[in-house]
Amino acid sequence: MKEIFKERIDKITYGLIYPAFFGNMIYYIINISLERDKNLHFSLIDSIVIASLFVLFVIIDFMHLYGDVNSIYNKPEYKSRYYFFCDILTPVFLFTSFVFLRTSTFFDAGIIIFSLVPAVILVYKWSNPHSRLYFAVYAAISLALGLIIAFSESHKTASCICVLLGLNIVAYSIYMVCCYPKKSRQFDLNYVDQIQKKLALNPDSNNQPPT
């Protein structure tokens, strides 16, 4: 993948996709609060809470992927194709699940798609040994909970959705605040430093680092 396309994808992801999806979610919460949305799957209060938890998760996700990770992998030559694939897929999964959970037809799909978000982020983290195990366990638990809710009629409640969202928020927050700064961040810094040294020795290298 050429560097100019990497730069464009990066700017589109964080300059357009995330803000657009985030703005739509805020607009949806305002519509619910003003009782303008007539297609609520749950009660008014439950719908506001679920939508607000979604927004909180998106904020945490953006803070980590853009504020933490992208500030280190801040040049296109530091990033692989997998990095960009996951970079785009994460907000798309979040917004798709947000929309699907507002419908009856795609409600189950919305639950499963959201529960898969940690698995998508795991692809980011796979090359970092200090992050891999945490996100592997986190992704497995998230998917298990999502499948239980999606395929069990008795669990398709606002409370269960809130539990799924809440646990994801807690797990992601713990990683971002406690786990990442201690060891994982230093690994990323060292990794990028190695790439910089290789590029300095061989500027024409077509290195594609996994991230």
N, C-alpha and C. Protein backbone atom coordinates (compact mmCIF):
# COMPACT_ATOMS: atom_id res chain seq x y z
N MET A 1 0.85 -1.20 0.00
CA MET A 1 0.00 0.00 0.00
C MET A 1 0.88 1.24 0.00
N LYS A 2 0.68 2.15 -0.94
CA LYS A 2 1.49 3.35 -1.04
C LYS A 2 1.24 4.28 0.14
N GLU A 3 2.30 5.01 0.51
CA GLU A 3 2.22 5.87 1.69
C GLU A 3 1.15 6.95 1.57
N ILE A 4 0.96 7.48 0.36
CA ILE A 4 -0.03 8.55 0.18
C ILE A 4 -1.44 8.04 0.45
N PHE A 5 -1.71 6.76 0.09
CA PHE A 5 -3.03 6.19 0.35
C PHE A 5 -3.20 5.92 1.84
N LYS A 6 -2.12 5.53 2.52
CA LYS A 6 -2.18 5.34 3.96
C LYS A 6 -2.53 6.64 4.67
N GLU A 7 -1.90 7.73 4.23
CA GLU A 7 -2.18 9.04 4.82
C GLU A 7 -3.64 9.44 4.61
N ARG A 8 -4.15 9.18 3.42
CA ARG A 8 -5.53 9.54 3.12
C ARG A 8 -6.51 8.72 3.96
N ILE A 9 -6.25 7.41 4.06
CA ILE A 9 -7.12 6.54 4.84
C ILE A 9 -7.11 6.97 6.31
N ASP A 10 -5.92 7.30 6.81
CA ASP A 10 -5.79 7.72 8.20
C ASP A 10 -6.60 8.98 8.47
N LYS A 11 -6.50 9.95 7.57
CA LYS A 11 -7.23 11.20 7.74
C LYS A 11 -8.74 11.00 7.62
N ILE A 12 -9.15 10.13 6.71
CA ILE A 12 -10.57 9.84 6.54
C ILE A 12 -11.14 9.16 7.78
N THR A 13 -10.37 8.20 8.32
CA THR A 13 -10.84 7.45 9.48
C THR A 13 -11.06 8.35 10.68
N TYR A 14 -10.03 9.13 11.04
CA TYR A 14 -10.11 9.94 12.26
C TYR A 14 -10.65 11.35 12.04
N GLY A 15 -10.61 11.80 10.79
CA GLY A 15 -11.12 13.14 10.51
C GLY A 15 -12.55 13.16 10.01
N LEU A 16 -13.03 12.01 9.50
CA LEU A 16 -14.37 11.97 8.92
C LEU A 16 -15.25 10.88 9.53
N ILE A 17 -14.78 9.62 9.48
CA ILE A 17 -15.63 8.50 9.89
C ILE A 17 -16.01 8.58 11.36
N TYR A 18 -15.02 8.69 12.24
CA TYR A 18 -15.32 8.75 13.67
C TYR A 18 -16.20 9.96 14.02
N PRO A 19 -15.85 11.18 13.58
CA PRO A 19 -16.70 12.33 13.91
C PRO A 19 -18.12 12.20 13.35
N ALA A 20 -18.25 11.66 12.13
CA ALA A 20 -19.57 11.52 11.51
C ALA A 20 -20.44 10.55 12.30
N PHE A 21 -19.87 9.40 12.64
CA PHE A 21 -20.62 8.40 13.40
C PHE A 21 -20.95 8.90 14.80
N PHE A 22 -19.99 9.58 15.42
CA PHE A 22 -20.21 10.11 16.76
C PHE A 22 -21.31 11.16 16.75
N GLY A 23 -21.29 12.04 15.76
CA GLY A 23 -22.31 13.07 15.64
C GLY A 23 -23.69 12.48 15.44
N ASN A 24 -23.78 11.40 14.65
CA ASN A 24 -25.06 10.75 14.43
C ASN A 24 -25.60 10.16 15.73
N MET A 25 -24.71 9.59 16.53
CA MET A 25 -25.15 9.01 17.81
C MET A 25 -25.68 10.09 18.75
N ILE A 26 -24.99 11.23 18.80
CA ILE A 26 -25.45 12.33 19.64
C ILE A 26 -26.81 12.83 19.15
N TYR A 27 -26.95 12.93 17.84
CA TYR A 27 -28.23 13.36 17.26
C TYR A 27 -29.35 12.40 17.64
N TYR A 28 -29.03 11.10 17.63
CA TYR A 28 -30.02 10.09 17.99
C TYR A 28 -30.44 10.24 19.45
N ILE A 29 -29.47 10.50 20.34
CA ILE A 29 -29.80 10.67 21.76
C ILE A 29 -30.69 11.89 21.96
N ILE A 30 -30.41 12.96 21.24
CA ILE A 30 -31.25 14.16 21.33
C ILE A 30 -32.67 13.87 20.86
N ASN A 31 -32.79 13.14 19.76
CA ASN A 31 -34.11 12.78 19.25
C ASN A 31 -34.89 11.93 20.25
N ILE A 32 -34.19 10.99 20.90
CA ILE A 32 -34.87 10.17 21.91
C ILE A 32 -35.35 11.05 23.06
N SER A 33 -34.46 11.91 23.53
CA SER A 33 -34.79 12.77 24.67
C SER A 33 -35.99 13.67 24.37
N LEU A 34 -36.11 14.11 23.11
CA LEU A 34 -37.22 14.97 22.72
C LEU A 34 -38.44 14.16 22.28
N GLU A 35 -38.33 12.82 22.41
CA GLU A 35 -39.42 11.88 22.07
C GLU A 35 -39.82 12.00 20.61
N ARG A 36 -38.83 12.21 19.74
CA ARG A 36 -39.10 12.29 18.31
C ARG A 36 -38.91 10.95 17.60
N ASP A 37 -38.20 10.03 18.27
CA ASP A 37 -37.97 8.72 17.66
C ASP A 37 -39.12 7.80 18.03
N LYS A 38 -39.87 7.36 17.02
CA LYS A 38 -41.06 6.53 17.25
C LYS A 38 -40.77 5.05 17.08
N ASN A 39 -39.51 4.68 16.84
CA ASN A 39 -39.19 3.27 16.58
C ASN A 39 -38.25 2.70 17.64
N LEU A 40 -38.45 3.09 18.88
CA LEU A 40 -37.59 2.62 19.95
C LEU A 40 -37.83 1.15 20.23
N HIS A 41 -36.73 0.40 20.39
CA HIS A 41 -36.85 -1.03 20.69
C HIS A 41 -37.16 -1.22 22.18
N PHE A 42 -36.66 -0.30 23.01
CA PHE A 42 -36.90 -0.36 24.44
C PHE A 42 -37.63 0.90 24.89
N SER A 43 -37.81 1.05 26.18
CA SER A 43 -38.48 2.25 26.71
C SER A 43 -37.61 3.47 26.48
N LEU A 44 -38.18 4.64 26.70
CA LEU A 44 -37.47 5.90 26.48
C LEU A 44 -36.20 5.97 27.31
N ILE A 45 -36.31 5.73 28.61
CA ILE A 45 -35.16 5.81 29.50
C ILE A 45 -34.11 4.77 29.14
N ASP A 46 -34.55 3.53 28.92
CA ASP A 46 -33.61 2.46 28.56
C ASP A 46 -32.86 2.79 27.27
N SER A 47 -33.57 3.34 26.30
CA SER A 47 -32.96 3.68 25.02
C SER A 47 -31.91 4.78 25.18
N ILE A 48 -32.20 5.76 26.02
CA ILE A 48 -31.24 6.83 26.28
C ILE A 48 -29.99 6.27 26.95
N VAL A 49 -30.19 5.40 27.93
CA VAL A 49 -29.05 4.80 28.65
C VAL A 49 -28.18 3.98 27.71
N ILE A 50 -28.81 3.13 26.90
CA ILE A 50 -28.06 2.28 25.96
C ILE A 50 -27.28 3.14 24.96
N ALA A 51 -27.95 4.14 24.40
CA ALA A 51 -27.28 5.01 23.43
C ALA A 51 -26.13 5.77 24.08
N SER A 52 -26.32 6.20 25.32
CA SER A 52 -25.27 6.93 26.03
C SER A 52 -24.07 6.04 26.32
N LEU A 53 -24.32 4.78 26.66
CA LEU A 53 -23.22 3.83 26.89
C LEU A 53 -22.45 3.58 25.60
N PHE A 54 -23.17 3.52 24.49
CA PHE A 54 -22.52 3.39 23.18
C PHE A 54 -21.57 4.57 22.94
N VAL A 55 -22.07 5.77 23.19
CA VAL A 55 -21.27 6.97 22.98
C VAL A 55 -20.03 6.95 23.87
N LEU A 56 -20.19 6.52 25.11
CA LEU A 56 -19.07 6.44 26.04
C LEU A 56 -18.02 5.46 25.53
N PHE A 57 -18.46 4.31 25.02
CA PHE A 57 -17.52 3.33 24.48
C PHE A 57 -16.78 3.90 23.28
N VAL A 58 -17.48 4.60 22.41
CA VAL A 58 -16.85 5.20 21.23
C VAL A 58 -15.80 6.22 21.65
N ILE A 59 -16.10 7.01 22.68
CA ILE A 59 -15.14 8.00 23.18
C ILE A 59 -13.88 7.31 23.69
N ILE A 60 -14.05 6.25 24.47
CA ILE A 60 -12.90 5.50 25.00
C ILE A 60 -12.09 4.90 23.86
N ASP A 61 -12.79 4.32 22.90
CA ASP A 61 -12.12 3.71 21.74
C ASP A 61 -11.32 4.75 20.97
N PHE A 62 -11.92 5.90 20.74
CA PHE A 62 -11.23 6.97 20.00
C PHE A 62 -10.03 7.49 20.79
N MET A 63 -10.19 7.64 22.09
CA MET A 63 -9.10 8.13 22.93
C MET A 63 -7.89 7.20 22.85
N HIS A 64 -8.16 5.89 22.86
CA HIS A 64 -7.04 4.95 22.82
C HIS A 64 -6.45 4.82 21.43
N LEU A 65 -7.29 4.55 20.43
CA LEU A 65 -6.75 4.29 19.10
C LEU A 65 -6.14 5.53 18.46
N TYR A 66 -6.73 6.69 18.72
CA TYR A 66 -6.19 7.92 18.14
C TYR A 66 -5.23 8.62 19.09
N GLY A 67 -5.64 8.77 20.34
CA GLY A 67 -4.81 9.49 21.30
C GLY A 67 -3.57 8.73 21.72
N ASP A 68 -3.68 7.42 21.93
CA ASP A 68 -2.55 6.61 22.39
C ASP A 68 -1.78 5.98 21.23
N VAL A 69 -2.45 5.10 20.51
CA VAL A 69 -1.77 4.29 19.50
C VAL A 69 -1.36 5.12 18.29
N ASN A 70 -2.29 5.91 17.75
CA ASN A 70 -1.99 6.64 16.52
C ASN A 70 -0.99 7.77 16.74
N SER A 71 -0.83 8.20 17.98
CA SER A 71 0.18 9.21 18.27
C SER A 71 1.59 8.61 18.22
N ILE A 72 1.69 7.30 18.38
CA ILE A 72 2.98 6.61 18.28
C ILE A 72 3.22 6.16 16.85
N TYR A 73 2.22 5.48 16.28
CA TYR A 73 2.30 5.07 14.87
C TYR A 73 1.80 6.23 14.02
N ASN A 74 2.54 7.34 14.09
CA ASN A 74 2.04 8.59 13.51
C ASN A 74 2.51 8.86 12.09
N LYS A 75 3.14 7.88 11.47
CA LYS A 75 3.54 8.01 10.08
C LYS A 75 3.09 6.77 9.31
N PRO A 76 2.69 6.93 8.07
CA PRO A 76 2.15 5.80 7.31
C PRO A 76 3.12 4.64 7.17
N GLU A 77 4.42 4.92 7.14
CA GLU A 77 5.39 3.84 6.97
C GLU A 77 5.49 2.94 8.20
N TYR A 78 4.91 3.36 9.33
CA TYR A 78 4.92 2.55 10.53
C TYR A 78 3.75 1.56 10.57
N LYS A 79 2.83 1.69 9.63
CA LYS A 79 1.57 0.94 9.71
C LYS A 79 1.44 -0.08 8.58
N SER A 80 0.83 -1.21 8.91
CA SER A 80 0.60 -2.24 7.92
C SER A 80 -0.80 -2.12 7.35
N ARG A 81 -1.11 -2.95 6.37
CA ARG A 81 -2.47 -2.98 5.81
C ARG A 81 -3.47 -3.41 6.86
N TYR A 82 -3.06 -4.34 7.72
CA TYR A 82 -3.96 -4.81 8.77
C TYR A 82 -4.35 -3.68 9.71
N TYR A 83 -3.42 -2.79 9.97
CA TYR A 83 -3.69 -1.65 10.84
C TYR A 83 -4.85 -0.82 10.28
N PHE A 84 -4.77 -0.52 8.99
CA PHE A 84 -5.80 0.32 8.37
C PHE A 84 -7.12 -0.42 8.24
N PHE A 85 -7.04 -1.70 7.98
CA PHE A 85 -8.26 -2.52 7.89
C PHE A 85 -9.02 -2.45 9.21
N CYS A 86 -8.31 -2.65 10.30
CA CYS A 86 -8.94 -2.62 11.62
C CYS A 86 -9.35 -1.21 12.02
N ASP A 87 -8.54 -0.23 11.61
CA ASP A 87 -8.84 1.17 11.90
C ASP A 87 -10.21 1.57 11.36
N ILE A 88 -10.52 1.11 10.17
CA ILE A 88 -11.80 1.44 9.54
C ILE A 88 -12.91 0.53 10.05
N LEU A 89 -12.58 -0.75 10.23
CA LEU A 89 -13.59 -1.72 10.62
C LEU A 89 -14.16 -1.45 12.01
N THR A 90 -13.32 -0.96 12.93
CA THR A 90 -13.78 -0.71 14.30
C THR A 90 -14.93 0.30 14.35
N PRO A 91 -14.79 1.53 13.80
CA PRO A 91 -15.92 2.46 13.85
C PRO A 91 -17.12 1.99 13.03
N VAL A 92 -16.86 1.28 11.93
CA VAL A 92 -17.96 0.76 11.11
C VAL A 92 -18.77 -0.27 11.90
N PHE A 93 -18.09 -1.16 12.60
CA PHE A 93 -18.77 -2.15 13.45
C PHE A 93 -19.58 -1.45 14.54
N LEU A 94 -18.98 -0.44 15.17
CA LEU A 94 -19.66 0.25 16.25
C LEU A 94 -20.93 0.94 15.75
N PHE A 95 -20.82 1.65 14.64
CA PHE A 95 -21.98 2.37 14.13
C PHE A 95 -23.04 1.41 13.59
N THR A 96 -22.62 0.35 12.92
CA THR A 96 -23.57 -0.63 12.40
C THR A 96 -24.35 -1.28 13.53
N SER A 97 -23.66 -1.67 14.59
CA SER A 97 -24.35 -2.29 15.72
C SER A 97 -25.27 -1.29 16.40
N PHE A 98 -24.85 -0.03 16.48
CA PHE A 98 -25.67 1.02 17.07
C PHE A 98 -26.99 1.16 16.29
N VAL A 99 -26.90 1.15 14.98
CA VAL A 99 -28.09 1.28 14.13
C VAL A 99 -28.95 0.03 14.21
N PHE A 100 -28.32 -1.15 14.14
CA PHE A 100 -29.07 -2.41 14.14
C PHE A 100 -29.84 -2.62 15.44
N LEU A 101 -29.29 -2.14 16.55
CA LEU A 101 -29.96 -2.32 17.84
C LEU A 101 -31.21 -1.46 17.95
N ARG A 102 -31.42 -0.57 17.00
CA ARG A 102 -32.63 0.25 16.97
C ARG A 102 -33.74 -0.44 16.19
N THR A 103 -33.46 -1.59 15.60
CA THR A 103 -34.44 -2.27 14.77
C THR A 103 -34.80 -3.62 15.36
N SER A 104 -35.90 -4.17 14.92
CA SER A 104 -36.29 -5.52 15.33
C SER A 104 -35.70 -6.56 14.39
N THR A 105 -35.60 -6.21 13.11
CA THR A 105 -35.11 -7.16 12.10
C THR A 105 -33.66 -7.54 12.31
N PHE A 106 -32.81 -6.54 12.63
CA PHE A 106 -31.37 -6.79 12.73
C PHE A 106 -30.86 -6.68 14.17
N PHE A 107 -31.76 -6.80 15.14
CA PHE A 107 -31.39 -6.63 16.54
C PHE A 107 -30.32 -7.63 16.96
N ASP A 108 -30.50 -8.90 16.64
CA ASP A 108 -29.53 -9.93 17.01
C ASP A 108 -28.18 -9.68 16.37
N ALA A 109 -28.20 -9.29 15.11
CA ALA A 109 -26.96 -9.00 14.39
C ALA A 109 -26.23 -7.82 15.05
N GLY A 110 -26.98 -6.83 15.51
CA GLY A 110 -26.39 -5.68 16.18
C GLY A 110 -25.64 -6.07 17.44
N ILE A 111 -26.22 -6.99 18.20
CA ILE A 111 -25.58 -7.47 19.43
C ILE A 111 -24.27 -8.19 19.11
N ILE A 112 -24.33 -9.09 18.12
CA ILE A 112 -23.14 -9.88 17.77
C ILE A 112 -22.04 -8.98 17.20
N ILE A 113 -22.42 -8.04 16.34
CA ILE A 113 -21.42 -7.14 15.75
C ILE A 113 -20.71 -6.33 16.82
N PHE A 114 -21.48 -5.81 17.78
CA PHE A 114 -20.82 -5.05 18.85
C PHE A 114 -19.89 -5.95 19.66
N SER A 115 -20.32 -7.16 19.95
CA SER A 115 -19.50 -8.06 20.75
C SER A 115 -18.21 -8.47 20.03
N LEU A 116 -18.16 -8.26 18.72
CA LEU A 116 -16.97 -8.59 17.93
C LEU A 116 -15.94 -7.46 17.88
N VAL A 117 -16.31 -6.28 18.34
CA VAL A 117 -15.40 -5.13 18.28
C VAL A 117 -14.07 -5.41 19.00
N PRO A 118 -14.08 -5.98 20.21
CA PRO A 118 -12.79 -6.29 20.85
C PRO A 118 -11.93 -7.25 20.03
N ALA A 119 -12.57 -8.16 19.29
CA ALA A 119 -11.82 -9.09 18.44
C ALA A 119 -11.14 -8.34 17.30
N VAL A 120 -11.80 -7.32 16.78
CA VAL A 120 -11.19 -6.50 15.73
C VAL A 120 -9.99 -5.75 16.31
N ILE A 121 -10.15 -5.19 17.50
CA ILE A 121 -9.05 -4.47 18.13
C ILE A 121 -7.90 -5.41 18.46
N LEU A 122 -8.22 -6.67 18.75
CA LEU A 122 -7.19 -7.66 19.03
C LEU A 122 -6.19 -7.78 17.88
N VAL A 123 -6.66 -7.58 16.65
CA VAL A 123 -5.77 -7.64 15.50
C VAL A 123 -4.70 -6.54 15.60
N TYR A 124 -5.11 -5.35 16.10
CA TYR A 124 -4.14 -4.29 16.36
C TYR A 124 -3.05 -4.79 17.32
N LYS A 125 -3.54 -5.48 18.36
CA LYS A 125 -2.70 -5.79 19.51
C LYS A 125 -1.90 -7.07 19.37
N TRP A 126 -2.12 -7.82 18.32
CA TRP A 126 -1.54 -9.15 18.24
C TRP A 126 -0.02 -9.13 18.28
N SER A 127 0.61 -8.14 17.69
CA SER A 127 2.07 -8.08 17.66
C SER A 127 2.67 -7.59 18.98
N ASN A 128 1.81 -7.09 19.87
CA ASN A 128 2.29 -6.58 21.15
C ASN A 128 2.03 -7.65 22.23
N PRO A 129 3.07 -8.33 22.70
CA PRO A 129 2.87 -9.43 23.65
C PRO A 129 2.27 -8.99 24.98
N HIS A 130 2.40 -7.72 25.32
CA HIS A 130 1.85 -7.22 26.57
C HIS A 130 0.36 -6.90 26.47
N SER A 131 -0.15 -6.86 25.26
CA SER A 131 -1.57 -6.57 25.04
C SER A 131 -2.34 -7.78 24.55
N ARG A 132 -1.65 -8.71 23.93
CA ARG A 132 -2.29 -9.82 23.23
C ARG A 132 -3.20 -10.65 24.14
N LEU A 133 -2.67 -11.08 25.28
CA LEU A 133 -3.44 -11.95 26.17
C LEU A 133 -4.66 -11.22 26.72
N TYR A 134 -4.46 -9.98 27.13
CA TYR A 134 -5.58 -9.20 27.70
C TYR A 134 -6.72 -9.11 26.71
N PHE A 135 -6.41 -8.73 25.47
CA PHE A 135 -7.47 -8.55 24.49
C PHE A 135 -8.03 -9.88 23.98
N ALA A 136 -7.23 -10.93 24.03
CA ALA A 136 -7.74 -12.24 23.64
C ALA A 136 -8.81 -12.70 24.62
N VAL A 137 -8.54 -12.53 25.91
CA VAL A 137 -9.53 -12.89 26.95
C VAL A 137 -10.74 -11.97 26.88
N TYR A 138 -10.46 -10.68 26.76
CA TYR A 138 -11.53 -9.67 26.66
C TYR A 138 -12.44 -9.94 25.47
N ALA A 139 -11.84 -10.22 24.31
CA ALA A 139 -12.63 -10.48 23.10
C ALA A 139 -13.46 -11.75 23.23
N ALA A 140 -12.89 -12.78 23.86
CA ALA A 140 -13.62 -14.05 24.03
C ALA A 140 -14.83 -13.87 24.95
N ILE A 141 -14.65 -13.14 26.04
CA ILE A 141 -15.76 -12.90 26.97
C ILE A 141 -16.84 -12.04 26.33
N SER A 142 -16.42 -11.01 25.61
CA SER A 142 -17.38 -10.13 24.94
C SER A 142 -18.22 -10.91 23.93
N LEU A 143 -17.56 -11.74 23.12
CA LEU A 143 -18.28 -12.51 22.11
C LEU A 143 -19.22 -13.52 22.76
N ALA A 144 -18.77 -14.17 23.84
CA ALA A 144 -19.60 -15.15 24.54
C ALA A 144 -20.88 -14.49 25.07
N LEU A 145 -20.72 -13.32 25.69
CA LEU A 145 -21.88 -12.60 26.21
C LEU A 145 -22.81 -12.18 25.08
N GLY A 146 -22.22 -11.71 23.98
CA GLY A 146 -23.03 -11.30 22.85
C GLY A 146 -23.85 -12.45 22.26
N LEU A 147 -23.24 -13.61 22.16
CA LEU A 147 -23.94 -14.78 21.61
C LEU A 147 -25.05 -15.25 22.55
N ILE A 148 -24.79 -15.19 23.84
CA ILE A 148 -25.82 -15.58 24.82
C ILE A 148 -27.04 -14.67 24.69
N ILE A 149 -26.79 -13.37 24.61
CA ILE A 149 -27.91 -12.42 24.50
C ILE A 149 -28.63 -12.58 23.16
N ALA A 150 -27.87 -12.74 22.08
CA ALA A 150 -28.47 -12.82 20.74
C ALA A 150 -29.31 -14.07 20.55
N PHE A 151 -28.90 -15.18 21.15
CA PHE A 151 -29.58 -16.45 20.89
C PHE A 151 -30.45 -16.93 22.04
N SER A 152 -30.64 -16.07 23.03
CA SER A 152 -31.52 -16.41 24.15
C SER A 152 -32.59 -15.33 24.29
N GLU A 153 -33.82 -15.71 24.04
CA GLU A 153 -34.92 -14.73 24.08
C GLU A 153 -35.06 -14.09 25.45
N SER A 154 -34.77 -14.85 26.49
CA SER A 154 -34.93 -14.31 27.84
C SER A 154 -33.88 -13.27 28.20
N HIS A 155 -32.80 -13.22 27.40
CA HIS A 155 -31.72 -12.27 27.68
C HIS A 155 -31.74 -11.04 26.77
N LYS A 156 -32.71 -10.98 25.89
CA LYS A 156 -32.79 -9.83 24.98
C LYS A 156 -33.52 -8.68 25.66
N THR A 157 -32.92 -8.21 26.72
CA THR A 157 -33.52 -7.13 27.50
C THR A 157 -32.58 -5.94 27.54
N ALA A 158 -33.13 -4.81 27.93
CA ALA A 158 -32.31 -3.60 28.04
C ALA A 158 -31.22 -3.78 29.09
N SER A 159 -31.55 -4.49 30.16
CA SER A 159 -30.57 -4.71 31.23
C SER A 159 -29.37 -5.51 30.73
N CYS A 160 -29.64 -6.55 29.95
CA CYS A 160 -28.55 -7.39 29.42
C CYS A 160 -27.68 -6.60 28.43
N ILE A 161 -28.32 -5.77 27.62
CA ILE A 161 -27.57 -4.93 26.68
C ILE A 161 -26.68 -3.97 27.46
N CYS A 162 -27.22 -3.39 28.52
CA CYS A 162 -26.45 -2.46 29.34
C CYS A 162 -25.27 -3.17 30.01
N VAL A 163 -25.50 -4.42 30.44
CA VAL A 163 -24.42 -5.20 31.05
C VAL A 163 -23.31 -5.45 30.03
N LEU A 164 -23.69 -5.84 28.81
CA LEU A 164 -22.71 -6.07 27.74
C LEU A 164 -21.91 -4.80 27.46
N LEU A 165 -22.61 -3.69 27.31
CA LEU A 165 -21.94 -2.41 27.04
C LEU A 165 -21.07 -1.98 28.23
N GLY A 166 -21.63 -2.12 29.43
CA GLY A 166 -20.92 -1.69 30.63
C GLY A 166 -19.64 -2.48 30.86
N LEU A 167 -19.70 -3.80 30.68
CA LEU A 167 -18.51 -4.63 30.86
C LEU A 167 -17.44 -4.29 29.83
N ASN A 168 -17.87 -4.02 28.60
CA ASN A 168 -16.91 -3.62 27.56
C ASN A 168 -16.26 -2.29 27.91
N ILE A 169 -17.04 -1.36 28.42
CA ILE A 169 -16.49 -0.07 28.82
C ILE A 169 -15.48 -0.22 29.95
N VAL A 170 -15.83 -1.04 30.94
CA VAL A 170 -14.92 -1.26 32.08
C VAL A 170 -13.63 -1.95 31.62
N ALA A 171 -13.78 -3.02 30.81
CA ALA A 171 -12.60 -3.76 30.35
C ALA A 171 -11.67 -2.89 29.51
N TYR A 172 -12.25 -2.11 28.61
CA TYR A 172 -11.46 -1.24 27.73
C TYR A 172 -10.79 -0.13 28.55
N SER A 173 -11.53 0.42 29.51
CA SER A 173 -10.99 1.51 30.35
C SER A 173 -9.83 1.02 31.20
N ILE A 174 -9.97 -0.18 31.77
CA ILE A 174 -8.88 -0.75 32.59
C ILE A 174 -7.62 -0.91 31.75
N TYR A 175 -7.82 -1.42 30.54
CA TYR A 175 -6.66 -1.59 29.66
C TYR A 175 -6.02 -0.24 29.33
N MET A 176 -6.84 0.73 28.97
CA MET A 176 -6.33 2.03 28.53
C MET A 176 -5.65 2.78 29.67
N VAL A 177 -6.21 2.71 30.87
CA VAL A 177 -5.69 3.49 32.00
C VAL A 177 -4.59 2.76 32.76
N CYS A 178 -4.71 1.45 32.89
CA CYS A 178 -3.78 0.69 33.73
C CYS A 178 -2.78 -0.16 32.95
N CYS A 179 -3.29 -0.96 32.01
CA CYS A 179 -2.44 -1.94 31.34
C CYS A 179 -1.56 -1.32 30.26
N TYR A 180 -2.15 -0.52 29.39
CA TYR A 180 -1.39 0.01 28.26
C TYR A 180 -0.21 0.89 28.69
N PRO A 181 -0.38 1.84 29.62
CA PRO A 181 0.74 2.74 29.97
C PRO A 181 1.92 2.02 30.61
N LYS A 182 1.69 0.88 31.27
CA LYS A 182 2.75 0.23 32.03
C LYS A 182 3.77 -0.48 31.15
N LYS A 183 3.30 -1.33 30.24
CA LYS A 183 4.23 -2.12 29.43
C LYS A 183 3.94 -2.02 27.93
N SER A 184 2.67 -2.03 27.58
CA SER A 184 2.31 -2.10 26.16
C SER A 184 2.76 -0.86 25.40
N ARG A 185 2.65 0.30 26.00
CA ARG A 185 3.03 1.53 25.33
C ARG A 185 4.53 1.55 25.03
N GLN A 186 5.32 1.10 25.98
CA GLN A 186 6.76 1.08 25.77
C GLN A 186 7.14 0.13 24.65
N PHE A 187 6.42 -0.98 24.54
CA PHE A 187 6.67 -1.92 23.44
C PHE A 187 6.41 -1.23 22.10
N ASP A 188 5.30 -0.50 22.01
CA ASP A 188 4.99 0.23 20.77
C ASP A 188 6.05 1.26 20.45
N LEU A 189 6.51 1.98 21.47
CA LEU A 189 7.55 2.99 21.26
C LEU A 189 8.85 2.34 20.77
N ASN A 190 9.22 1.23 21.38
CA ASN A 190 10.43 0.52 20.96
C ASN A 190 10.30 -0.02 19.55
N TYR A 191 9.10 -0.48 19.24
CA TYR A 191 8.85 -1.07 17.92
C TYR A 191 9.00 0.00 16.82
N VAL A 192 8.39 1.14 17.06
CA VAL A 192 8.49 2.24 16.10
C VAL A 192 9.93 2.74 16.01
N ASP A 193 10.64 2.76 17.13
CA ASP A 193 12.05 3.18 17.13
C ASP A 193 12.89 2.25 16.25
N GLN A 194 12.61 0.95 16.30
CA GLN A 194 13.32 -0.01 15.46
C GLN A 194 13.03 0.25 13.98
N ILE A 195 11.78 0.56 13.68
CA ILE A 195 11.41 0.84 12.28
C ILE A 195 12.12 2.10 11.80
N GLN A 196 12.19 3.12 12.65
CA GLN A 196 12.86 4.36 12.28
C GLN A 196 14.34 4.12 11.96
N LYS A 197 14.98 3.26 12.76
CA LYS A 197 16.39 2.95 12.53
C LYS A 197 16.57 2.20 11.21
N LYS A 198 15.65 1.27 10.92
CA LYS A 198 15.74 0.51 9.67
C LYS A 198 15.53 1.43 8.47
N LEU A 199 14.57 2.34 8.60
CA LEU A 199 14.32 3.27 7.51
C LEU A 199 15.47 4.24 7.31
N ALA A 200 16.14 4.59 8.40
CA ALA A 200 17.29 5.49 8.30
C ALA A 200 18.44 4.82 7.56
N LEU A 201 18.59 3.51 7.80
CA LEU A 201 19.64 2.76 7.12
C LEU A 201 19.28 2.44 5.69
N ASN A 202 17.98 2.24 5.45
CA ASN A 202 17.51 1.88 4.10
C ASN A 202 16.25 2.66 3.78
N PRO A 203 16.34 3.91 3.37
CA PRO A 203 15.17 4.76 3.10
C PRO A 203 14.23 4.22 2.05
N ASP A 204 14.72 3.39 1.15
CA ASP A 204 13.89 2.86 0.08
C ASP A 204 13.21 1.55 0.45
N SER A 205 13.38 1.15 1.72
CA SER A 205 12.79 -0.12 2.17
C SER A 205 11.29 -0.06 2.08
N ASN A 206 10.71 -1.17 1.67
CA ASN A 206 9.23 -1.27 1.57
C ASN A 206 8.70 -2.04 2.77
N ASN A 207 9.21 -1.68 3.94
CA ASN A 207 8.83 -2.39 5.17
C ASN A 207 7.37 -2.21 5.48
N GLN A 208 6.70 -3.33 5.84
CA GLN A 208 5.30 -3.30 6.21
C GLN A 208 5.14 -3.86 7.61
N PRO A 209 5.32 -3.06 8.66
CA PRO A 209 5.29 -3.58 10.03
C PRO A 209 3.90 -3.97 10.46
N PRO A 210 3.75 -5.10 11.14
CA PRO A 210 2.44 -5.44 11.72
C PRO A 210 2.19 -4.62 12.95
N THR A 211 0.94 -4.17 13.17
CA THR A 211 0.62 -3.40 14.38
C THR A 211 -0.62 -3.93 15.02
